[in-house]
Structure formats: structure tokens, C-alpha cells
């Protein structure tokens, strides 16, 4: 029997089992045989086209759009990229409508800059910026969830806290980018109900006991929801700068692919923050507002253009 040519080897592949799959579902590694000999085949979905004609044709071919949910200006769907509907939906679509200039900047390619935010810069420039963002209604979608007006079907758990205190109240909801099926890519958000904490800058030494208790309750709740998981299979972190200024904690599987959102300069381990506060000199009012934080920003972001670029150039921001 004549050996298959290089071009025909794939056609001769006989599948034994799925060996591995990336968490985005875009790459699979299959174990099988070719003419009786073991073989590994890795297949990866091609990149999206970039020319306008092909993109318009791609958009026109989207069918069977299933609305998964909506909140304020944010909506998300599952859909098919072709005419057949026999296979599972192969597209997850997020829609922001109407979007703002801030959204457009966030999703546009931009150069990244490392900045160091001192306590003085935070108090004089960044804290007022946070206040402006909150005053503009940027947290409406968060309050819609907390107050029970939107996305209640997506809430995995709502903890009301002990007694009459609402300081310990929080809810767990899936991150929009998690498929809600693949546990190794699990990504949840723990949204606290209290509104006095905007970011990790508001955490104080006096919050250490509360933070330790919150950590244990979040871990307990997650493994109760997903019994296949153990606590040591989860990591908890906080973003700085966060996307929105209402305190929340990210809960992810330790095997979750580390994208830029988990990178140095963006994500800080909850345990490390607790340890830093615990070891901090001073009384209960000593806080994360008293330290310098180094992180990255896109150079199209408001924080860079309105605060850090003028400071770099010696201009008033």
C-alpha cells in the first residue's frame, strides 16, 4: 500500500480521543492513528478577516442569534457563523449599544505605558477622576444587579451577611467572558453590596478581619456551587485600575489562561493585599491609599491623557 502524501495525511487520521482543548475553544489536540501508528493532530480556528468586504459578509452570515442577557447598554448573545444550525453555536457576541468614546478607546489598539501612582497623585488627581466616573452614572449596571433590577437569572449566589449588617453582603455572578461550562476557565465576580469601597485604595488595616472573612466565604460559596473544585484550585485577585469603581473581587480557576487581565501591572492577589495591610505600620486607618502603586495604562485612556501624560511633561493636569 502506497504511503499517503503529506497533503493527504490529515485525511488518513483516525480519531481515538480528544486529548486537550484550550479554554477559549479555539484549539484542540486530538490523539489518533495514521495507518496504525499513533499521531497527534492540533487544529486551531483561523483568525478573523480584517478587510471590510469579508467582515461585512461575515456579519451578514450570522444566524440564530440567542440573547443571553442584557443590562443597561451591555448585551451578550450566542450565534452561528454560517447557514447550518446543526452544530453548537460557534460565536459568543458582546454588544455595547449605545457605546461611548470611552468604550471605543478601550477596545482600540493603543500603546501601553507603565505609571507609578503615588499617594499624592492618587489624592489630588485619581480620586477626583474616580468621583467623576461615578457621578456620570457609569455604575448603573452594577447597581441594577445589586438592587435586583437586572441579571437576576445570572446570579449564582447572594449572601446577605450576618444579622442586620450589610457590610458582608455580596453576590457571585459569572464573568461575561466565561462560557459557564468549562471549569478550568471558571471566572466569577464577587460584587460587594456596600458602597463605601470604590477600589483597593479604600482598603484599610481595619478591614483585614472583614477581608479574611470575605475570602473564606467566597471560597466556601464557590466550592459549594462547583463540588468538583477544591479551594486550592481557585485564585482571588483585584484589578487596579479596575474597569469600574465599585469594589469587586475576581474568582478564577488556577488553570484559567492568564490573559493581560491577570498580568503584573493589572491584577493584585487578594491574599497579598491582606498581608500587606496586616503588616502595615499604624492604626486601623492606615490604608492602601498610603502606598505607591505601579500599573499599566493604554495611552488613549483618560487616566493617561488627562493625568499621567501632563505630569510626565510637567504640565498641569
C-alpha atoms as a PDB file:
ATOM      1  CA  UNK A   1       0.000   0.000   0.000  1.00  0.00           C
ATOM      2  CA  UNK A   2       1.363   3.367  -1.036  1.00  0.00           C
ATOM      3  CA  UNK A   3       2.112   5.766   1.857  1.00  0.00           C
ATOM      4  CA  UNK A   4      -0.074   8.875   1.911  1.00  0.00           C
ATOM      5  CA  UNK A   5       1.430  12.139   0.722  1.00  0.00           C
ATOM      6  CA  UNK A   6       1.968  14.997   3.148  1.00  0.00           C
ATOM      7  CA  UNK A   7      -1.184  16.675   1.836  1.00  0.00           C
ATOM      8  CA  UNK A   8      -3.270  13.534   2.446  1.00  0.00           C
ATOM      9  CA  UNK A   9      -2.013  12.656   5.935  1.00  0.00           C
ATOM     10  CA  UNK A  10      -4.815  14.583   7.642  1.00  0.00           C
ATOM     11  CA  UNK A  11      -7.443  12.665   5.684  1.00  0.00           C
ATOM     12  CA  UNK A  12      -5.898   9.385   6.880  1.00  0.00           C
ATOM     13  CA  UNK A  13      -6.064  10.455  10.538  1.00  0.00           C
ATOM     14  CA  UNK A  14      -8.387   8.273  12.645  1.00  0.00           C
ATOM     15  CA  UNK A  15      -9.564   9.817  15.898  1.00  0.00           C
ATOM     16  CA  UNK A  16      -9.219   7.951  19.214  1.00  0.00           C
ATOM     17  CA  UNK A  17      -9.981  10.744  21.693  1.00  0.00           C
ATOM     18  CA  UNK A  18      -9.882  14.442  22.437  1.00  0.00           C
ATOM     19  CA  UNK A  19      -6.599  14.957  24.285  1.00  0.00           C
ATOM     20  CA  UNK A  20      -6.808  18.642  25.146  1.00  0.00           C
ATOM     21  CA  UNK A  21      -8.745  21.818  24.369  1.00  0.00           C
ATOM     22  CA  UNK A  22      -7.857  25.412  25.094  1.00  0.00           C
ATOM     23  CA  UNK A  23     -10.242  27.334  27.317  1.00  0.00           C
ATOM     24  CA  UNK A  24     -11.452  29.552  24.522  1.00  0.00           C
ATOM     25  CA  UNK A  25     -12.442  26.501  22.491  1.00  0.00           C
ATOM     26  CA  UNK A  26     -10.341  27.703  19.547  1.00  0.00           C
ATOM     27  CA  UNK A  27      -7.677  24.989  19.668  1.00  0.00           C
ATOM     28  CA  UNK A  28      -7.991  21.211  20.101  1.00  0.00           C
ATOM     29  CA  UNK A  29      -5.389  18.473  20.283  1.00  0.00           C
ATOM     30  CA  UNK A  30      -6.589  15.069  19.126  1.00  0.00           C
ATOM     31  CA  UNK A  31      -4.966  11.682  19.703  1.00  0.00           C
ATOM     32  CA  UNK A  32      -5.384   9.132  16.944  1.00  0.00           C
ATOM     33  CA  UNK A  33      -3.615   6.997  14.387  1.00  0.00           C
ATOM     34  CA  UNK A  34      -2.492   7.184  10.784  1.00  0.00           C
ATOM     35  CA  UNK A  35      -2.167   3.764   9.188  1.00  0.00           C
ATOM     36  CA  UNK A  36      -1.895   2.138  12.606  1.00  0.00           C
ATOM     37  CA  UNK A  37       0.787   4.460  14.023  1.00  0.00           C
ATOM     38  CA  UNK A  38      -0.011   6.956  16.814  1.00  0.00           C
ATOM     39  CA  UNK A  39      -0.452  10.575  15.779  1.00  0.00           C
ATOM     40  CA  UNK A  40      -1.290  13.907  17.393  1.00  0.00           C
ATOM     41  CA  UNK A  41      -3.339  16.421  15.453  1.00  0.00           C
ATOM     42  CA  UNK A  42      -3.735  20.002  16.683  1.00  0.00           C
ATOM     43  CA  UNK A  43      -6.367  22.156  14.980  1.00  0.00           C
ATOM     44  CA  UNK A  44      -6.848  25.875  15.568  1.00  0.00           C
ATOM     45  CA  UNK A  45      -9.556  28.172  14.239  1.00  0.00           C
ATOM     46  CA  UNK A  46      -8.247  30.730  11.776  1.00  0.00           C
ATOM     47  CA  UNK A  47      -8.123  34.392  12.699  1.00  0.00           C
ATOM     48  CA  UNK A  48     -10.975  36.677  11.746  1.00  0.00           C
ATOM     49  CA  UNK A  49     -10.539  38.524   8.446  1.00  0.00           C
ATOM     50  CA  UNK A  50      -9.596  42.189   8.563  1.00  0.00           C
ATOM     51  CA  UNK A  51     -10.830  43.557   5.213  1.00  0.00           C
ATOM     52  CA  UNK A  52     -14.183  45.345   5.228  1.00  0.00           C
ATOM     53  CA  UNK A  53     -15.769  43.332   2.414  1.00  0.00           C
ATOM     54  CA  UNK A  54     -15.144  39.991   4.121  1.00  0.00           C
ATOM     55  CA  UNK A  55     -16.179  41.382   7.517  1.00  0.00           C
ATOM     56  CA  UNK A  56     -19.463  42.651   6.067  1.00  0.00           C
ATOM     57  CA  UNK A  57     -20.096  39.225   4.532  1.00  0.00           C
ATOM     58  CA  UNK A  58     -19.240  37.560   7.838  1.00  0.00           C
ATOM     59  CA  UNK A  59     -21.687  39.788   9.715  1.00  0.00           C
ATOM     60  CA  UNK A  60     -24.429  39.155   7.152  1.00  0.00           C
ATOM     61  CA  UNK A  61     -23.997  35.383   7.584  1.00  0.00           C
ATOM     62  CA  UNK A  62     -24.609  35.411  11.358  1.00  0.00           C
ATOM     63  CA  UNK A  63     -27.789  33.481  12.146  1.00  0.00           C
ATOM     64  CA  UNK A  64     -29.852  32.133  15.049  1.00  0.00           C
ATOM     65  CA  UNK A  65     -28.882  34.868  17.484  1.00  0.00           C
ATOM     66  CA  UNK A  66     -29.806  33.851  21.030  1.00  0.00           C
ATOM     67  CA  UNK A  67     -29.965  36.650  23.593  1.00  0.00           C
ATOM     68  CA  UNK A  68     -28.228  35.510  26.796  1.00  0.00           C
ATOM     69  CA  UNK A  69     -28.911  38.686  28.745  1.00  0.00           C
ATOM     70  CA  UNK A  70     -28.727  42.457  28.892  1.00  0.00           C
ATOM     71  CA  UNK A  71     -28.059  45.163  31.440  1.00  0.00           C
ATOM     72  CA  UNK A  72     -28.133  48.874  30.704  1.00  0.00           C
ATOM     73  CA  UNK A  73     -26.091  49.320  27.479  1.00  0.00           C
ATOM     74  CA  UNK A  74     -24.487  45.840  27.620  1.00  0.00           C
ATOM     75  CA  UNK A  75     -25.873  42.762  25.823  1.00  0.00           C
ATOM     76  CA  UNK A  76     -24.464  39.303  25.077  1.00  0.00           C
ATOM     77  CA  UNK A  77     -25.505  36.534  22.711  1.00  0.00           C
ATOM     78  CA  UNK A  78     -24.727  33.123  21.247  1.00  0.00           C
ATOM     79  CA  UNK A  79     -24.976  32.762  17.462  1.00  0.00           C
ATOM     80  CA  UNK A  80     -23.960  30.749  14.398  1.00  0.00           C
ATOM     81  CA  UNK A  81     -21.425  31.992  11.868  1.00  0.00           C
ATOM     82  CA  UNK A  82     -22.912  30.096   8.908  1.00  0.00           C
ATOM     83  CA  UNK A  83     -26.135  28.726   7.486  1.00  0.00           C
ATOM     84  CA  UNK A  84     -26.099  25.401   9.358  1.00  0.00           C
ATOM     85  CA  UNK A  85     -27.539  25.178  12.861  1.00  0.00           C
ATOM     86  CA  UNK A  86     -26.758  21.521  13.456  1.00  0.00           C
ATOM     87  CA  UNK A  87     -23.574  22.139  15.454  1.00  0.00           C
ATOM     88  CA  UNK A  88     -23.429  24.094  18.747  1.00  0.00           C
ATOM     89  CA  UNK A  89     -23.336  27.868  18.414  1.00  0.00           C
ATOM     90  CA  UNK A  90     -19.798  28.884  17.451  1.00  0.00           C
ATOM     91  CA  UNK A  91     -19.944  32.610  18.226  1.00  0.00           C
ATOM     92  CA  UNK A  92     -20.241  34.480  21.509  1.00  0.00           C
ATOM     93  CA  UNK A  93     -21.156  38.102  20.819  1.00  0.00           C
ATOM     94  CA  UNK A  94     -20.923  41.032  23.223  1.00  0.00           C
ATOM     95  CA  UNK A  95     -22.722  44.218  22.156  1.00  0.00           C
ATOM     96  CA  UNK A  96     -22.356  47.667  23.705  1.00  0.00           C
ATOM     97  CA  UNK A  97     -25.111  49.958  22.456  1.00  0.00           C
ATOM     98  CA  UNK A  98     -25.033  52.869  22.513  1.00  0.00           C
ATOM     99  CA  UNK A  99     -21.283  52.908  23.092  1.00  0.00           C
ATOM    100  CA  UNK A 100     -19.288  55.940  24.223  1.00  0.00           C
ATOM    101  CA  UNK A 101     -15.937  57.395  23.203  1.00  0.00           C
ATOM    102  CA  UNK A 102     -14.516  55.763  26.333  1.00  0.00           C
ATOM    103  CA  UNK A 103     -15.595  52.338  25.082  1.00  0.00           C
ATOM    104  CA  UNK A 104     -14.106  52.988  21.643  1.00  0.00           C
ATOM    105  CA  UNK A 105     -10.762  53.965  23.180  1.00  0.00           C
ATOM    106  CA  UNK A 106     -10.755  50.917  25.442  1.00  0.00           C
ATOM    107  CA  UNK A 107     -11.212  48.469  22.561  1.00  0.00           C
ATOM    108  CA  UNK A 108      -8.898  50.226  20.083  1.00  0.00           C
ATOM    109  CA  UNK A 109      -5.213  49.270  19.694  1.00  0.00           C
ATOM    110  CA  UNK A 110      -3.037  51.503  21.826  1.00  0.00           C
ATOM    111  CA  UNK A 111       0.447  51.684  23.272  1.00  0.00           C
ATOM    112  CA  UNK A 112       0.726  50.630  26.920  1.00  0.00           C
ATOM    113  CA  UNK A 113       2.535  52.788  29.478  1.00  0.00           C
ATOM    114  CA  UNK A 114       3.762  51.912  32.968  1.00  0.00           C
ATOM    115  CA  UNK A 115       2.957  54.546  35.564  1.00  0.00           C
ATOM    116  CA  UNK A 116       3.544  54.923  39.292  1.00  0.00           C
ATOM    117  CA  UNK A 117       0.658  56.396  41.223  1.00  0.00           C
ATOM    118  CA  UNK A 118       1.942  57.931  44.458  1.00  0.00           C
ATOM    119  CA  UNK A 119      -0.360  58.705  47.394  1.00  0.00           C
ATOM    120  CA  UNK A 120      -0.223  62.378  46.371  1.00  0.00           C
ATOM    121  CA  UNK A 121      -1.162  61.671  42.737  1.00  0.00           C
ATOM    122  CA  UNK A 122      -3.985  59.461  43.964  1.00  0.00           C
ATOM    123  CA  UNK A 123      -5.437  62.071  46.304  1.00  0.00           C
ATOM    124  CA  UNK A 124      -5.005  65.093  44.035  1.00  0.00           C
ATOM    125  CA  UNK A 125      -5.802  63.585  40.631  1.00  0.00           C
ATOM    126  CA  UNK A 126      -7.005  59.970  40.539  1.00  0.00           C
ATOM    127  CA  UNK A 127      -9.553  60.097  43.374  1.00  0.00           C
ATOM    128  CA  UNK A 128     -11.338  63.103  41.796  1.00  0.00           C
ATOM    129  CA  UNK A 129     -11.329  61.209  38.481  1.00  0.00           C
ATOM    130  CA  UNK A 130     -12.990  58.226  40.179  1.00  0.00           C
ATOM    131  CA  UNK A 131     -15.611  60.540  41.631  1.00  0.00           C
ATOM    132  CA  UNK A 132     -16.387  61.969  38.189  1.00  0.00           C
ATOM    133  CA  UNK A 133     -16.797  58.482  36.722  1.00  0.00           C
ATOM    134  CA  UNK A 134     -19.235  57.536  39.479  1.00  0.00           C
ATOM    135  CA  UNK A 135     -21.162  60.798  39.091  1.00  0.00           C
ATOM    136  CA  UNK A 136     -21.605  60.146  35.361  1.00  0.00           C
ATOM    137  CA  UNK A 137     -23.695  57.055  36.027  1.00  0.00           C
ATOM    138  CA  UNK A 138     -21.006  54.565  35.000  1.00  0.00           C
ATOM    139  CA  UNK A 139     -22.137  52.207  37.788  1.00  0.00           C
ATOM    140  CA  UNK A 140     -25.806  51.987  36.843  1.00  0.00           C
ATOM    141  CA  UNK A 141     -25.411  48.457  35.504  1.00  0.00           C
ATOM    142  CA  UNK A 142     -23.705  47.324  38.746  1.00  0.00           C
ATOM    143  CA  UNK A 143     -26.438  48.818  40.917  1.00  0.00           C
ATOM    144  CA  UNK A 144     -29.052  47.217  38.643  1.00  0.00           C
ATOM    145  CA  UNK A 145     -27.624  43.817  39.596  1.00  0.00           C
ATOM    146  CA  UNK A 146     -27.180  44.542  43.303  1.00  0.00           C
ATOM    147  CA  UNK A 147     -30.643  46.060  43.676  1.00  0.00           C
ATOM    148  CA  UNK A 148     -32.361  43.211  41.843  1.00  0.00           C
ATOM    149  CA  UNK A 149     -33.469  45.062  38.693  1.00  0.00           C
ATOM    150  CA  UNK A 150     -31.323  43.249  36.113  1.00  0.00           C
ATOM    151  CA  UNK A 151     -29.487  39.951  35.540  1.00  0.00           C
ATOM    152  CA  UNK A 152     -31.088  38.202  38.494  1.00  0.00           C
ATOM    153  CA  UNK A 153     -31.206  34.987  36.476  1.00  0.00           C
ATOM    154  CA  UNK A 154     -27.397  35.148  36.236  1.00  0.00           C
ATOM    155  CA  UNK A 155     -26.742  35.492  39.968  1.00  0.00           C
ATOM    156  CA  UNK A 156     -25.208  32.249  41.194  1.00  0.00           C
ATOM    157  CA  UNK A 157     -25.359  33.138  44.872  1.00  0.00           C
ATOM    158  CA  UNK A 158     -26.493  36.070  47.005  1.00  0.00           C
ATOM    159  CA  UNK A 159     -25.077  36.254  50.529  1.00  0.00           C
ATOM    160  CA  UNK A 160     -26.971  38.665  52.754  1.00  0.00           C
ATOM    161  CA  UNK A 161     -24.393  38.879  55.531  1.00  0.00           C
ATOM    162  CA  UNK A 162     -24.868  38.170  59.213  1.00  0.00           C
ATOM    163  CA  UNK A 163     -27.540  39.876  61.283  1.00  0.00           C
ATOM    164  CA  UNK A 164     -28.523  43.396  60.275  1.00  0.00           C
ATOM    165  CA  UNK A 165     -25.079  44.258  58.889  1.00  0.00           C
ATOM    166  CA  UNK A 166     -24.889  44.673  55.112  1.00  0.00           C
ATOM    167  CA  UNK A 167     -21.120  45.098  55.097  1.00  0.00           C
ATOM    168  CA  UNK A 168     -20.614  41.374  54.490  1.00  0.00           C
ATOM    169  CA  UNK A 169     -23.327  41.085  51.831  1.00  0.00           C
ATOM    170  CA  UNK A 170     -22.113  40.088  48.374  1.00  0.00           C
ATOM    171  CA  UNK A 171     -23.243  38.225  45.300  1.00  0.00           C
ATOM    172  CA  UNK A 172     -21.488  35.911  42.865  1.00  0.00           C
ATOM    173  CA  UNK A 173     -22.111  36.247  39.147  1.00  0.00           C
ATOM    174  CA  UNK A 174     -20.317  34.784  36.106  1.00  0.00           C
ATOM    175  CA  UNK A 175     -17.853  36.987  34.270  1.00  0.00           C
ATOM    176  CA  UNK A 176     -19.163  37.794  30.796  1.00  0.00           C
ATOM    177  CA  UNK A 177     -16.212  36.040  29.155  1.00  0.00           C
ATOM    178  CA  UNK A 178     -16.760  32.675  30.881  1.00  0.00           C
ATOM    179  CA  UNK A 179     -18.745  30.067  28.935  1.00  0.00           C
ATOM    180  CA  UNK A 180     -20.324  28.819  32.206  1.00  0.00           C
ATOM    181  CA  UNK A 181     -19.374  25.252  31.358  1.00  0.00           C
ATOM    182  CA  UNK A 182     -15.577  24.809  31.330  1.00  0.00           C
ATOM    183  CA  UNK A 183     -14.479  24.674  34.964  1.00  0.00           C
ATOM    184  CA  UNK A 184     -10.781  25.142  34.172  1.00  0.00           C
ATOM    185  CA  UNK A 185     -11.672  28.551  32.726  1.00  0.00           C
ATOM    186  CA  UNK A 186     -14.060  29.450  35.564  1.00  0.00           C
ATOM    187  CA  UNK A 187     -14.241  33.200  36.131  1.00  0.00           C
ATOM    188  CA  UNK A 188     -16.659  34.682  38.654  1.00  0.00           C
ATOM    189  CA  UNK A 189     -17.120  38.160  40.090  1.00  0.00           C
ATOM    190  CA  UNK A 190     -17.859  38.761  43.756  1.00  0.00           C
ATOM    191  CA  UNK A 191     -19.676  42.110  43.951  1.00  0.00           C
ATOM    192  CA  UNK A 192     -19.918  43.561  47.448  1.00  0.00           C
ATOM    193  CA  UNK A 193     -23.145  45.378  48.284  1.00  0.00           C
ATOM    194  CA  UNK A 194     -21.502  48.052  50.432  1.00  0.00           C
ATOM    195  CA  UNK A 195     -20.800  51.249  48.507  1.00  0.00           C
ATOM    196  CA  UNK A 196     -18.087  52.879  50.590  1.00  0.00           C
ATOM    197  CA  UNK A 197     -15.368  50.875  48.837  1.00  0.00           C
ATOM    198  CA  UNK A 198     -14.593  52.065  45.304  1.00  0.00           C
ATOM    199  CA  UNK A 199     -11.266  50.311  44.711  1.00  0.00           C
ATOM    200  CA  UNK A 200      -8.433  48.653  46.600  1.00  0.00           C
ATOM    201  CA  UNK A 201      -7.261  52.179  47.501  1.00  0.00           C
ATOM    202  CA  UNK A 202     -10.136  52.298  50.020  1.00  0.00           C
ATOM    203  CA  UNK A 203      -8.977  49.185  51.881  1.00  0.00           C
ATOM    204  CA  UNK A 204      -7.625  49.905  55.350  1.00  0.00           C
ATOM    205  CA  UNK A 205      -5.813  47.993  58.037  1.00  0.00           C
ATOM    206  CA  UNK A 206      -9.117  47.968  59.907  1.00  0.00           C
ATOM    207  CA  UNK A 207     -10.647  45.970  57.029  1.00  0.00           C
ATOM    208  CA  UNK A 208      -8.266  42.992  57.415  1.00  0.00           C
ATOM    209  CA  UNK A 209     -10.629  40.900  59.539  1.00  0.00           C
ATOM    210  CA  UNK A 210     -13.511  41.649  57.136  1.00  0.00           C
ATOM    211  CA  UNK A 211     -11.333  40.774  54.114  1.00  0.00           C
ATOM    212  CA  UNK A 212     -10.200  37.473  55.596  1.00  0.00           C
ATOM    213  CA  UNK A 213     -13.790  36.580  56.385  1.00  0.00           C
ATOM    214  CA  UNK A 214     -14.919  37.593  52.883  1.00  0.00           C
ATOM    215  CA  UNK A 215     -12.172  35.476  51.344  1.00  0.00           C
ATOM    216  CA  UNK A 216     -13.306  32.373  53.211  1.00  0.00           C
ATOM    217  CA  UNK A 217     -16.970  32.956  52.423  1.00  0.00           C
ATOM    218  CA  UNK A 218     -16.243  33.461  48.705  1.00  0.00           C
ATOM    219  CA  UNK A 219     -14.129  30.296  48.562  1.00  0.00           C
ATOM    220  CA  UNK A 220     -16.744  28.302  50.516  1.00  0.00           C
ATOM    221  CA  UNK A 221     -19.524  29.547  48.242  1.00  0.00           C
ATOM    222  CA  UNK A 222     -17.595  28.724  45.055  1.00  0.00           C
ATOM    223  CA  UNK A 223     -16.735  25.132  46.004  1.00  0.00           C
ATOM    224  CA  UNK A 224     -20.316  24.648  47.176  1.00  0.00           C
ATOM    225  CA  UNK A 225     -21.550  25.759  43.758  1.00  0.00           C
ATOM    226  CA  UNK A 226     -18.960  23.617  41.963  1.00  0.00           C
ATOM    227  CA  UNK A 227     -18.235  20.497  44.096  1.00  0.00           C
ATOM    228  CA  UNK A 228     -15.641  19.316  41.565  1.00  0.00           C
ATOM    229  CA  UNK A 229     -13.363  22.124  42.745  1.00  0.00           C
ATOM    230  CA  UNK A 230     -11.211  22.472  45.862  1.00  0.00           C
ATOM    231  CA  UNK A 231     -10.323  25.777  47.467  1.00  0.00           C
ATOM    232  CA  UNK A 232      -6.683  25.423  46.431  1.00  0.00           C
ATOM    233  CA  UNK A 233      -7.819  25.325  42.792  1.00  0.00           C
ATOM    234  CA  UNK A 234      -9.006  28.932  42.976  1.00  0.00           C
ATOM    235  CA  UNK A 235      -7.256  32.286  42.986  1.00  0.00           C
ATOM    236  CA  UNK A 236      -8.725  35.611  44.017  1.00  0.00           C
ATOM    237  CA  UNK A 237      -7.462  38.938  42.763  1.00  0.00           C
ATOM    238  CA  UNK A 238      -8.372  42.616  42.463  1.00  0.00           C
ATOM    239  CA  UNK A 239      -7.716  44.888  39.497  1.00  0.00           C
ATOM    240  CA  UNK A 240      -6.052  48.257  39.715  1.00  0.00           C
ATOM    241  CA  UNK A 241      -7.021  50.255  37.836  1.00  0.00           C
ATOM    242  CA  UNK A 242     -10.413  48.491  37.769  1.00  0.00           C
ATOM    243  CA  UNK A 243     -12.839  48.784  34.870  1.00  0.00           C
ATOM    244  CA  UNK A 244     -15.465  50.277  37.183  1.00  0.00           C
ATOM    245  CA  UNK A 245     -15.238  51.900  40.600  1.00  0.00           C
ATOM    246  CA  UNK A 246     -17.286  49.598  42.782  1.00  0.00           C
ATOM    247  CA  UNK A 247     -15.245  47.123  44.818  1.00  0.00           C
ATOM    248  CA  UNK A 248     -15.294  43.597  43.396  1.00  0.00           C
ATOM    249  CA  UNK A 249     -13.125  40.504  43.570  1.00  0.00           C
ATOM    250  CA  UNK A 250     -12.282  38.197  40.664  1.00  0.00           C
ATOM    251  CA  UNK A 251     -12.513  34.452  41.332  1.00  0.00           C
ATOM    252  CA  UNK A 252     -10.784  32.259  38.724  1.00  0.00           C
ATOM    253  CA  UNK A 253      -9.588  28.685  38.346  1.00  0.00           C
ATOM    254  CA  UNK A 254      -5.822  28.409  38.767  1.00  0.00           C
ATOM    255  CA  UNK A 255      -5.654  26.798  35.312  1.00  0.00           C
ATOM    256  CA  UNK A 256      -7.522  29.679  33.667  1.00  0.00           C
ATOM    257  CA  UNK A 257      -5.371  31.024  30.845  1.00  0.00           C
ATOM    258  CA  UNK A 258      -3.619  34.124  32.116  1.00  0.00           C
ATOM    259  CA  UNK A 259      -4.553  36.942  29.770  1.00  0.00           C
ATOM    260  CA  UNK A 260      -3.481  40.559  30.253  1.00  0.00           C
ATOM    261  CA  UNK A 261      -6.222  40.964  32.877  1.00  0.00           C
ATOM    262  CA  UNK A 262      -4.212  38.708  35.204  1.00  0.00           C
ATOM    263  CA  UNK A 263      -0.834  40.267  34.393  1.00  0.00           C
ATOM    264  CA  UNK A 264       1.586  42.159  36.607  1.00  0.00           C
ATOM    265  CA  UNK A 265       0.531  45.794  36.456  1.00  0.00           C
ATOM    266  CA  UNK A 266      -3.166  44.924  36.478  1.00  0.00           C
ATOM    267  CA  UNK A 267      -4.059  42.164  38.967  1.00  0.00           C
ATOM    268  CA  UNK A 268      -3.110  42.062  42.650  1.00  0.00           C
ATOM    269  CA  UNK A 269      -3.629  38.921  44.709  1.00  0.00           C
ATOM    270  CA  UNK A 270      -6.238  39.337  47.438  1.00  0.00           C
ATOM    271  CA  UNK A 271      -4.042  37.360  49.845  1.00  0.00           C
ATOM    272  CA  UNK A 272      -1.060  39.645  49.182  1.00  0.00           C
ATOM    273  CA  UNK A 273      -3.162  42.752  49.771  1.00  0.00           C
ATOM    274  CA  UNK A 274      -4.401  41.305  53.071  1.00  0.00           C
ATOM    275  CA  UNK A 275      -0.827  40.513  54.104  1.00  0.00           C
ATOM    276  CA  UNK A 276       0.390  43.997  53.134  1.00  0.00           C
ATOM    277  CA  UNK A 277      -2.345  45.675  55.153  1.00  0.00           C
ATOM    278  CA  UNK A 278      -1.805  43.342  58.105  1.00  0.00           C
ATOM    279  CA  UNK A 279       1.913  44.213  58.220  1.00  0.00           C
ATOM    280  CA  UNK A 280       1.356  47.934  57.628  1.00  0.00           C
ATOM    281  CA  UNK A 281       2.518  50.280  60.379  1.00  0.00           C
ATOM    282  CA  UNK A 282      -0.068  52.451  62.057  1.00  0.00           C
ATOM    283  CA  UNK A 283      -3.596  52.058  63.347  1.00  0.00           C
ATOM    284  CA  UNK A 284      -6.792  50.863  61.677  1.00  0.00           C
ATOM    285  CA  UNK A 285      -6.922  53.930  59.379  1.00  0.00           C
ATOM    286  CA  UNK A 286      -3.625  53.047  57.675  1.00  0.00           C
ATOM    287  CA  UNK A 287      -4.608  52.138  54.121  1.00  0.00           C
ATOM    288  CA  UNK A 288      -3.707  51.246  50.556  1.00  0.00           C
ATOM    289  CA  UNK A 289      -4.155  54.948  49.803  1.00  0.00           C
ATOM    290  CA  UNK A 290      -0.857  55.477  51.652  1.00  0.00           C
ATOM    291  CA  UNK A 291       1.324  53.434  49.260  1.00  0.00           C
ATOM    292  CA  UNK A 292       2.576  53.912  45.714  1.00  0.00           C
ATOM    293  CA  UNK A 293       1.144  51.564  43.093  1.00  0.00           C
ATOM    294  CA  UNK A 294       2.711  50.843  39.695  1.00  0.00           C
ATOM    295  CA  UNK A 295       0.466  49.643  36.879  1.00  0.00           C
ATOM    296  CA  UNK A 296      -0.041  49.981  33.133  1.00  0.00           C
ATOM    297  CA  UNK A 297      -2.380  52.200  31.116  1.00  0.00           C
ATOM    298  CA  UNK A 298      -3.253  52.484  27.465  1.00  0.00           C
ATOM    299  CA  UNK A 299      -2.096  55.803  26.057  1.00  0.00           C
ATOM    300  CA  UNK A 300      -5.609  56.508  24.740  1.00  0.00           C
ATOM    301  CA  UNK A 301      -7.108  56.214  28.222  1.00  0.00           C
ATOM    302  CA  UNK A 302      -8.377  59.250  30.098  1.00  0.00           C
ATOM    303  CA  UNK A 303      -6.085  58.494  33.025  1.00  0.00           C
ATOM    304  CA  UNK A 304      -3.024  58.685  30.782  1.00  0.00           C
ATOM    305  CA  UNK A 305      -4.066  61.664  28.659  1.00  0.00           C
ATOM    306  CA  UNK A 306      -5.576  63.774  31.445  1.00  0.00           C
ATOM    307  CA  UNK A 307      -3.353  62.901  34.405  1.00  0.00           C
ATOM    308  CA  UNK A 308      -0.135  60.980  33.801  1.00  0.00           C
ATOM    309  CA  UNK A 309       0.935  62.491  30.462  1.00  0.00           C
ATOM    310  CA  UNK A 310       0.641  66.084  31.749  1.00  0.00           C
ATOM    311  CA  UNK A 311       2.541  65.063  34.911  1.00  0.00           C
ATOM    312  CA  UNK A 312       5.235  63.449  32.778  1.00  0.00           C
ATOM    313  CA  UNK A 313       5.550  66.592  30.664  1.00  0.00           C
ATOM    314  CA  UNK A 314       5.463  68.920  33.671  1.00  0.00           C
ATOM    315  CA  UNK A 315       2.063  70.377  32.735  1.00  0.00           C
ATOM    316  CA  UNK A 316      -0.957  70.838  34.958  1.00  0.00           C
ATOM    317  CA  UNK A 317      -3.462  68.017  34.591  1.00  0.00           C
END
